[in-house]
PDB file of N, CA and C in Angstrom:
ATOM      1  N   MET A   1     -71.666  15.317 -29.886  1.00  0.00           N
ATOM      2  CA  MET A   1     -70.920  14.257 -30.532  1.00  0.00           C
ATOM      3  C   MET A   1     -71.828  13.571 -31.530  1.00  0.00           C
ATOM      4  N   VAL A   2     -71.321  13.334 -32.720  1.00  0.00           N
ATOM      5  CA  VAL A   2     -72.106  12.684 -33.760  1.00  0.00           C
ATOM      6  C   VAL A   2     -71.540  11.294 -33.990  1.00  0.00           C
ATOM      7  N   ILE A   3     -72.403  10.316 -33.857  1.00  0.00           N
ATOM      8  CA  ILE A   3     -72.012   8.939 -34.142  1.00  0.00           C
ATOM      9  C   ILE A   3     -72.657   8.550 -35.460  1.00  0.00           C
ATOM     10  N   GLU A   4     -71.845   8.329 -36.467  1.00  0.00           N
ATOM     11  CA  GLU A   4     -72.383   7.950 -37.755  1.00  0.00           C
ATOM     12  C   GLU A   4     -72.799   6.487 -37.720  1.00  0.00           C
ATOM     13  N   GLU A   5     -73.942   6.228 -38.287  1.00  0.00           N
ATOM     14  CA  GLU A   5     -74.466   4.875 -38.246  1.00  0.00           C
ATOM     15  C   GLU A   5     -73.752   3.996 -39.257  1.00  0.00           C
ATOM     16  N   ALA A   6     -73.438   2.807 -38.822  1.00  0.00           N
ATOM     17  CA  ALA A   6     -72.783   1.842 -39.692  1.00  0.00           C
ATOM     18  C   ALA A   6     -73.492   0.508 -39.572  1.00  0.00           C
ATOM     19  N   PHE A   7     -73.421  -0.262 -40.612  1.00  0.00           N
ATOM     20  CA  PHE A   7     -74.045  -1.571 -40.605  1.00  0.00           C
ATOM     21  C   PHE A   7     -72.948  -2.623 -40.734  1.00  0.00           C
ATOM     22  N   VAL A   8     -72.849  -3.465 -39.737  1.00  0.00           N
ATOM     23  CA  VAL A   8     -71.859  -4.531 -39.753  1.00  0.00           C
ATOM     24  C   VAL A   8     -72.603  -5.844 -39.694  1.00  0.00           C
ATOM     25  N   SER A   9     -72.441  -6.641 -40.704  1.00  0.00           N
ATOM     26  CA  SER A   9     -73.096  -7.935 -40.689  1.00  0.00           C
ATOM     27  C   SER A   9     -72.111  -8.995 -41.130  1.00  0.00           C
ATOM     28  N   GLY A  10     -72.276 -10.177 -40.618  1.00  0.00           N
ATOM     29  CA  GLY A  10     -71.382 -11.266 -40.976  1.00  0.00           C
ATOM     30  C   GLY A  10     -71.341 -12.300 -39.883  1.00  0.00           C
ATOM     31  N   ARG A  11     -70.459 -13.240 -40.026  1.00  0.00           N
ATOM     32  CA  ARG A  11     -70.321 -14.307 -39.054  1.00  0.00           C
ATOM     33  C   ARG A  11     -69.212 -13.929 -38.085  1.00  0.00           C
ATOM     34  N   PHE A  12     -69.568 -13.957 -36.828  1.00  0.00           N
ATOM     35  CA  PHE A  12     -68.616 -13.569 -35.798  1.00  0.00           C
ATOM     36  C   PHE A  12     -68.056 -14.836 -35.162  1.00  0.00           C
ATOM     37  N   ASP A  13     -66.761 -14.912 -35.079  1.00  0.00           N
ATOM     38  CA  ASP A  13     -66.128 -16.069 -34.485  1.00  0.00           C
ATOM     39  C   ASP A  13     -65.098 -15.587 -33.472  1.00  0.00           C
ATOM     40  N   THR A  14     -64.444 -16.533 -32.802  1.00  0.00           N
ATOM     41  CA  THR A  14     -63.501 -16.164 -31.761  1.00  0.00           C
ATOM     42  C   THR A  14     -62.345 -15.371 -32.354  1.00  0.00           C
ATOM     43  N   GLY A  15     -62.285 -14.127 -31.961  1.00  0.00           N
ATOM     44  CA  GLY A  15     -61.168 -13.282 -32.375  1.00  0.00           C
ATOM     45  C   GLY A  15     -61.185 -12.879 -33.838  1.00  0.00           C
ATOM     46  N   GLY A  16     -62.310 -13.088 -34.529  1.00  0.00           N
ATOM     47  CA  GLY A  16     -62.299 -12.755 -35.945  1.00  0.00           C
ATOM     48  C   GLY A  16     -63.676 -12.426 -36.463  1.00  0.00           C
ATOM     49  N   LEU A  17     -63.719 -11.766 -37.612  1.00  0.00           N
ATOM     50  CA  LEU A  17     -64.984 -11.367 -38.215  1.00  0.00           C
ATOM     51  C   LEU A  17     -64.896 -11.600 -39.710  1.00  0.00           C
ATOM     52  N   VAL A  18     -65.936 -12.240 -40.239  1.00  0.00           N
ATOM     53  CA  VAL A  18     -66.079 -12.348 -41.677  1.00  0.00           C
ATOM     54  C   VAL A  18     -67.352 -11.615 -42.032  1.00  0.00           C
ATOM     55  N   GLY A  19     -67.265 -10.528 -42.763  1.00  0.00           N
ATOM     56  CA  GLY A  19     -68.465  -9.757 -43.031  1.00  0.00           C
ATOM     57  C   GLY A  19     -68.196  -8.588 -43.954  1.00  0.00           C
ATOM     58  N   PHE A  20     -69.096  -7.638 -43.921  1.00  0.00           N
ATOM     59  CA  PHE A  20     -69.052  -6.507 -44.839  1.00  0.00           C
ATOM     60  C   PHE A  20     -69.575  -5.287 -44.111  1.00  0.00           C
ATOM     61  N   VAL A  21     -68.995  -4.140 -44.371  1.00  0.00           N
ATOM     62  CA  VAL A  21     -69.405  -2.902 -43.732  1.00  0.00           C
ATOM     63  C   VAL A  21     -69.851  -1.923 -44.818  1.00  0.00           C
ATOM     64  N   THR A  22     -71.048  -1.351 -44.637  1.00  0.00           N
ATOM     65  CA  THR A  22     -71.524  -0.359 -45.598  1.00  0.00           C
ATOM     66  C   THR A  22     -72.109   0.836 -44.862  1.00  0.00           C
ATOM     67  N   ASN A  23     -72.318   1.905 -45.583  1.00  0.00           N
ATOM     68  CA  ASN A  23     -72.991   3.094 -45.064  1.00  0.00           C
ATOM     69  C   ASN A  23     -72.356   3.625 -43.783  1.00  0.00           C
ATOM     70  N   ASN A  24     -71.057   3.759 -43.782  1.00  0.00           N
ATOM     71  CA  ASN A  24     -70.381   4.283 -42.602  1.00  0.00           C
ATOM     72  C   ASN A  24     -70.154   5.785 -42.702  1.00  0.00           C
ATOM     73  N   GLY A  25     -70.768   6.427 -43.704  1.00  0.00           N
ATOM     74  CA  GLY A  25     -70.642   7.867 -43.850  1.00  0.00           C
ATOM     75  C   GLY A  25     -69.413   8.305 -44.620  1.00  0.00           C
ATOM     76  N   GLN A  26     -68.499   7.392 -44.858  1.00  0.00           N
ATOM     77  CA  GLN A  26     -67.278   7.754 -45.560  1.00  0.00           C
ATOM     78  C   GLN A  26     -67.090   6.934 -46.831  1.00  0.00           C
ATOM     79  N   SER A  27     -67.389   5.661 -46.763  1.00  0.00           N
ATOM     80  CA  SER A  27     -67.185   4.814 -47.925  1.00  0.00           C
ATOM     81  C   SER A  27     -68.053   3.573 -47.812  1.00  0.00           C
ATOM     82  N   THR A  28     -68.135   2.867 -48.905  1.00  0.00           N
ATOM     83  CA  THR A  28     -68.863   1.606 -48.923  1.00  0.00           C
ATOM     84  C   THR A  28     -67.889   0.527 -49.360  1.00  0.00           C
ATOM     85  N   GLY A  29     -67.752  -0.466 -48.538  1.00  0.00           N
ATOM     86  CA  GLY A  29     -66.814  -1.540 -48.864  1.00  0.00           C
ATOM     87  C   GLY A  29     -66.324  -2.211 -47.611  1.00  0.00           C
ATOM     88  N   ALA A  30     -65.359  -3.066 -47.783  1.00  0.00           N
ATOM     89  CA  ALA A  30     -64.808  -3.773 -46.636  1.00  0.00           C
ATOM     90  C   ALA A  30     -64.025  -2.807 -45.762  1.00  0.00           C
ATOM     91  N   GLN A  31     -64.245  -2.869 -44.462  1.00  0.00           N
ATOM     92  CA  GLN A  31     -63.567  -1.996 -43.515  1.00  0.00           C
ATOM     93  C   GLN A  31     -62.891  -2.857 -42.449  1.00  0.00           C
ATOM     94  N   PRO A  32     -61.804  -2.362 -41.865  1.00  0.00           N
ATOM     95  CA  PRO A  32     -61.164  -3.113 -40.792  1.00  0.00           C
ATOM     96  C   PRO A  32     -62.025  -3.147 -39.535  1.00  0.00           C
ATOM     97  N   VAL A  33     -62.130  -4.296 -38.937  1.00  0.00           N
ATOM     98  CA  VAL A  33     -62.897  -4.466 -37.710  1.00  0.00           C
ATOM     99  C   VAL A  33     -62.016  -5.200 -36.710  1.00  0.00           C
ATOM    100  N   ILE A  34     -61.990  -4.695 -35.477  1.00  0.00           N
ATOM    101  CA  ILE A  34     -61.180  -5.311 -34.432  1.00  0.00           C
ATOM    102  C   ILE A  34     -62.112  -5.998 -33.446  1.00  0.00           C
ATOM    103  N   ASN A  35     -61.903  -7.278 -33.226  1.00  0.00           N
ATOM    104  CA  ASN A  35     -62.648  -8.033 -32.227  1.00  0.00           C
ATOM    105  C   ASN A  35     -61.693  -8.402 -31.097  1.00  0.00           C
ATOM    106  N   TYR A  36     -62.152  -8.193 -29.872  1.00  0.00           N
ATOM    107  CA  TYR A  36     -61.300  -8.462 -28.723  1.00  0.00           C
ATOM    108  C   TYR A  36     -61.611  -9.791 -28.072  1.00  0.00           C
ATOM    109  N   SER A  37     -62.675 -10.437 -28.470  1.00  0.00           N
ATOM    110  CA  SER A  37     -63.084 -11.656 -27.798  1.00  0.00           C
ATOM    111  C   SER A  37     -64.069 -12.384 -28.688  1.00  0.00           C
ATOM    112  N   SER A  38     -64.731 -13.361 -28.121  1.00  0.00           N
ATOM    113  CA  SER A  38     -65.663 -14.188 -28.875  1.00  0.00           C
ATOM    114  C   SER A  38     -67.079 -13.672 -28.731  1.00  0.00           C
ATOM    115  N   PHE A  39     -67.737 -13.398 -29.843  1.00  0.00           N
ATOM    116  CA  PHE A  39     -69.154 -13.074 -29.800  1.00  0.00           C
ATOM    117  C   PHE A  39     -69.787 -13.408 -31.130  1.00  0.00           C
ATOM    118  N   LYS A  40     -71.086 -13.696 -31.078  1.00  0.00           N
ATOM    119  CA  LYS A  40     -71.820 -14.058 -32.276  1.00  0.00           C
ATOM    120  C   LYS A  40     -73.016 -13.146 -32.426  1.00  0.00           C
ATOM    121  N   GLY A  41     -73.427 -12.911 -33.646  1.00  0.00           N
ATOM    122  CA  GLY A  41     -74.640 -12.150 -33.864  1.00  0.00           C
ATOM    123  C   GLY A  41     -74.455 -11.035 -34.870  1.00  0.00           C
ATOM    124  N   HIS A  42     -75.308 -10.065 -34.734  1.00  0.00           N
ATOM    125  CA  HIS A  42     -75.337  -8.909 -35.620  1.00  0.00           C
ATOM    126  C   HIS A  42     -75.007  -7.677 -34.787  1.00  0.00           C
ATOM    127  N   VAL A  43     -74.190  -6.822 -35.290  1.00  0.00           N
ATOM    128  CA  VAL A  43     -73.888  -5.571 -34.609  1.00  0.00           C
ATOM    129  C   VAL A  43     -74.257  -4.430 -35.543  1.00  0.00           C
ATOM    130  N   ARG A  44     -75.128  -3.540 -35.069  1.00  0.00           N
ATOM    131  CA  ARG A  44     -75.495  -2.379 -35.864  1.00  0.00           C
ATOM    132  C   ARG A  44     -75.236  -1.128 -35.039  1.00  0.00           C
ATOM    133  N   GLY A  45     -74.510  -0.193 -35.612  1.00  0.00           N
ATOM    134  CA  GLY A  45     -74.207   1.036 -34.901  1.00  0.00           C
ATOM    135  C   GLY A  45     -72.739   1.109 -34.543  1.00  0.00           C
ATOM    136  N   HIS A  46     -72.439   2.016 -33.661  1.00  0.00           N
ATOM    137  CA  HIS A  46     -71.058   2.255 -33.253  1.00  0.00           C
ATOM    138  C   HIS A  46     -70.838   1.578 -31.913  1.00  0.00           C
ATOM    139  N   GLY A  47     -69.931   0.637 -31.830  1.00  0.00           N
ATOM    140  CA  GLY A  47     -69.756  -0.045 -30.553  1.00  0.00           C
ATOM    141  C   GLY A  47     -68.422  -0.752 -30.452  1.00  0.00           C
ATOM    142  N   ASN A  48     -68.026  -1.032 -29.242  1.00  0.00           N
ATOM    143  CA  ASN A  48     -66.840  -1.818 -28.961  1.00  0.00           C
ATOM    144  C   ASN A  48     -67.255  -2.963 -28.054  1.00  0.00           C
ATOM    145  N   GLN A  49     -66.877  -4.155 -28.412  1.00  0.00           N
ATOM    146  CA  GLN A  49     -67.203  -5.312 -27.597  1.00  0.00           C
ATOM    147  C   GLN A  49     -65.917  -5.930 -27.077  1.00  0.00           C
ATOM    148  N   THR A  50     -65.853  -6.099 -25.770  1.00  0.00           N
ATOM    149  CA  THR A  50     -64.750  -6.808 -25.149  1.00  0.00           C
ATOM    150  C   THR A  50     -65.356  -7.811 -24.186  1.00  0.00           C
ATOM    151  N   GLY A  51     -65.713  -8.938 -24.693  1.00  0.00           N
ATOM    152  CA  GLY A  51     -66.356  -9.943 -23.855  1.00  0.00           C
ATOM    153  C   GLY A  51     -67.119 -10.926 -24.707  1.00  0.00           C
ATOM    154  N   GLY A  52     -67.814 -11.842 -24.068  1.00  0.00           N
ATOM    155  CA  GLY A  52     -68.585 -12.840 -24.778  1.00  0.00           C
ATOM    156  C   GLY A  52     -70.017 -12.389 -24.940  1.00  0.00           C
ATOM    157  N   LEU A  53     -70.484 -12.335 -26.175  1.00  0.00           N
ATOM    158  CA  LEU A  53     -71.845 -11.883 -26.443  1.00  0.00           C
ATOM    159  C   LEU A  53     -72.462 -12.764 -27.508  1.00  0.00           C
ATOM    160  N   ALA A  54     -73.666 -13.227 -27.272  1.00  0.00           N
ATOM    161  CA  ALA A  54     -74.414 -13.954 -28.286  1.00  0.00           C
ATOM    162  C   ALA A  54     -75.726 -13.237 -28.480  1.00  0.00           C
ATOM    163  N   GLY A  55     -76.024 -12.792 -29.675  1.00  0.00           N
ATOM    164  CA  GLY A  55     -77.275 -12.106 -29.913  1.00  0.00           C
ATOM    165  C   GLY A  55     -77.105 -10.926 -30.834  1.00  0.00           C
ATOM    166  N   ARG A  56     -77.781  -9.841 -30.494  1.00  0.00           N
ATOM    167  CA  ARG A  56     -77.840  -8.694 -31.375  1.00  0.00           C
ATOM    168  C   ARG A  56     -77.651  -7.424 -30.559  1.00  0.00           C
ATOM    169  N   VAL A  57     -76.857  -6.495 -31.070  1.00  0.00           N
ATOM    170  CA  VAL A  57     -76.619  -5.225 -30.400  1.00  0.00           C
ATOM    171  C   VAL A  57     -76.993  -4.105 -31.364  1.00  0.00           C
ATOM    172  N   TRP A  58     -77.818  -3.176 -30.881  1.00  0.00           N
ATOM    173  CA  TRP A  58     -78.205  -2.017 -31.692  1.00  0.00           C
ATOM    174  C   TRP A  58     -77.799  -0.752 -30.951  1.00  0.00           C
ATOM    175  N   GLY A  59     -77.130   0.163 -31.638  1.00  0.00           N
ATOM    176  CA  GLY A  59     -76.757   1.421 -31.003  1.00  0.00           C
ATOM    177  C   GLY A  59     -75.336   1.388 -30.483  1.00  0.00           C
ATOM    178  N   GLY A  60     -74.960   2.452 -29.813  1.00  0.00           N
ATOM    179  CA  GLY A  60     -73.619   2.530 -29.270  1.00  0.00           C
ATOM    180  C   GLY A  60     -73.553   1.793 -27.945  1.00  0.00           C
ATOM    181  N   SER A  61     -72.601   0.902 -27.831  1.00  0.00           N
ATOM    182  CA  SER A  61     -72.504   0.133 -26.599  1.00  0.00           C
ATOM    183  C   SER A  61     -71.068  -0.264 -26.340  1.00  0.00           C
ATOM    184  N   ILE A  62     -70.762  -0.418 -25.073  1.00  0.00           N
ATOM    185  CA  ILE A  62     -69.460  -0.924 -24.666  1.00  0.00           C
ATOM    186  C   ILE A  62     -69.721  -2.064 -23.688  1.00  0.00           C
ATOM    187  N   ASN A  63     -69.221  -3.239 -24.025  1.00  0.00           N
ATOM    188  CA  ASN A  63     -69.393  -4.398 -23.165  1.00  0.00           C
ATOM    189  C   ASN A  63     -68.011  -4.899 -22.762  1.00  0.00           C
ATOM    190  N   TYR A  64     -67.803  -5.073 -21.462  1.00  0.00           N
ATOM    191  CA  TYR A  64     -66.483  -5.437 -20.980  1.00  0.00           C
ATOM    192  C   TYR A  64     -66.374  -6.870 -20.495  1.00  0.00           C
ATOM    193  N   SER A  65     -67.473  -7.588 -20.400  1.00  0.00           N
ATOM    194  CA  SER A  65     -67.382  -8.952 -19.909  1.00  0.00           C
ATOM    195  C   SER A  65     -68.520  -9.776 -20.473  1.00  0.00           C
ATOM    196  N   ARG A  66     -68.625 -11.013 -20.035  1.00  0.00           N
ATOM    197  CA  ARG A  66     -69.681 -11.889 -20.514  1.00  0.00           C
ATOM    198  C   ARG A  66     -71.050 -11.408 -20.066  1.00  0.00           C
ATOM    199  N   ALA A  67     -71.111 -10.765 -18.940  1.00  0.00           N
ATOM    200  CA  ALA A  67     -72.356 -10.155 -18.471  1.00  0.00           C
ATOM    201  C   ALA A  67     -72.366  -8.693 -18.898  1.00  0.00           C
ATOM    202  N   LEU A  68     -73.563  -8.121 -18.969  1.00  0.00           N
ATOM    203  CA  LEU A  68     -73.673  -6.718 -19.354  1.00  0.00           C
ATOM    204  C   LEU A  68     -73.002  -5.847 -18.301  1.00  0.00           C
ATOM    205  N   ALA A  69     -72.040  -5.049 -18.725  1.00  0.00           N
ATOM    206  CA  ALA A  69     -71.325  -4.203 -17.778  1.00  0.00           C
ATOM    207  C   ALA A  69     -71.725  -2.750 -17.952  1.00  0.00           C
ATOM    208  N   ILE A  70     -71.527  -2.214 -19.141  1.00  0.00           N
ATOM    209  CA  ILE A  70     -71.813  -0.811 -19.404  1.00  0.00           C
ATOM    210  C   ILE A  70     -72.444  -0.700 -20.786  1.00  0.00           C
ATOM    211  N   VAL A  71     -73.541   0.036 -20.868  1.00  0.00           N
ATOM    212  CA  VAL A  71     -74.140   0.350 -22.157  1.00  0.00           C
ATOM    213  C   VAL A  71     -74.302   1.859 -22.230  1.00  0.00           C
ATOM    214  N   VAL A  72     -73.709   2.474 -23.233  1.00  0.00           N
ATOM    215  CA  VAL A  72     -73.779   3.917 -23.380  1.00  0.00           C
ATOM    216  C   VAL A  72     -74.522   4.261 -24.655  1.00  0.00           C
ATOM    217  N   SER A  73     -74.990   5.476 -24.733  1.00  0.00           N
ATOM    218  CA  SER A  73     -75.761   5.970 -25.859  1.00  0.00           C
ATOM    219  C   SER A  73     -77.077   5.199 -25.920  1.00  0.00           C
ATOM    220  N   THR A  74     -77.775   5.308 -27.043  1.00  0.00           N
ATOM    221  CA  THR A  74     -79.018   4.571 -27.181  1.00  0.00           C
ATOM    222  C   THR A  74     -78.693   3.149 -27.586  1.00  0.00           C
ATOM    223  N   ALA A  75     -79.145   2.209 -26.813  1.00  0.00           N
ATOM    224  CA  ALA A  75     -78.829   0.817 -27.093  1.00  0.00           C
ATOM    225  C   ALA A  75     -80.042  -0.060 -26.850  1.00  0.00           C
ATOM    226  N   TYR A  76     -80.269  -0.959 -27.771  1.00  0.00           N
ATOM    227  CA  TYR A  76     -81.325  -1.961 -27.626  1.00  0.00           C
ATOM    228  C   TYR A  76     -80.656  -3.314 -27.771  1.00  0.00           C
ATOM    229  N   VAL A  77     -80.642  -4.093 -26.709  1.00  0.00           N
ATOM    230  CA  VAL A  77     -79.883  -5.327 -26.698  1.00  0.00           C
ATOM    231  C   VAL A  77     -80.809  -6.512 -26.438  1.00  0.00           C
ATOM    232  N   PRO A  78     -81.369  -7.107 -27.498  1.00  0.00           N
ATOM    233  CA  PRO A  78     -82.116  -8.343 -27.310  1.00  0.00           C
ATOM    234  C   PRO A  78     -81.157  -9.510 -27.469  1.00  0.00           C
ATOM    235  N   ALA A  79     -80.522  -9.909 -26.403  1.00  0.00           N
ATOM    236  CA  ALA A  79     -79.471 -10.908 -26.528  1.00  0.00           C
ATOM    237  C   ALA A  79     -79.554 -11.927 -25.404  1.00  0.00           C
ATOM    238  N   ASP A  80     -79.095 -13.123 -25.707  1.00  0.00           N
ATOM    239  CA  ASP A  80     -78.916 -14.147 -24.683  1.00  0.00           C
ATOM    240  C   ASP A  80     -77.457 -14.091 -24.266  1.00  0.00           C
ATOM    241  N   TRP A  81     -77.234 -13.628 -23.042  1.00  0.00           N
ATOM    242  CA  TRP A  81     -75.859 -13.462 -22.585  1.00  0.00           C
ATOM    243  C   TRP A  81     -75.288 -14.811 -22.188  1.00  0.00           C
ATOM    244  N   LEU A  82     -74.047 -15.040 -22.565  1.00  0.00           N
ATOM    245  CA  LEU A  82     -73.368 -16.264 -22.181  1.00  0.00           C
ATOM    246  C   LEU A  82     -73.021 -16.206 -20.699  1.00  0.00           C
ATOM    247  N   VAL A  83     -73.087 -17.352 -20.056  1.00  0.00           N
ATOM    248  CA  VAL A  83     -72.736 -17.409 -18.639  1.00  0.00           C
ATOM    249  C   VAL A  83     -71.538 -18.302 -18.464  1.00  0.00           C
TER     250      VAL A  83
END
């Protein structure tokens, strides 16, 4: 399985994202992003977040709650988790 690297940067707010996506392997420009919950920080790589996260996520990851639940693929998470 090939996960193309993408760079997502911007301000993350409850249920919404203001930012820009580049280098996704297909195009450069604004891309649709779906947020399922509230989290803040920078997200780099391929990931889905469903929960509260404050900090930075690198690599492919799946988070299902405010605490770390599941991290798949290569992931480096220097984050302060909300309690």
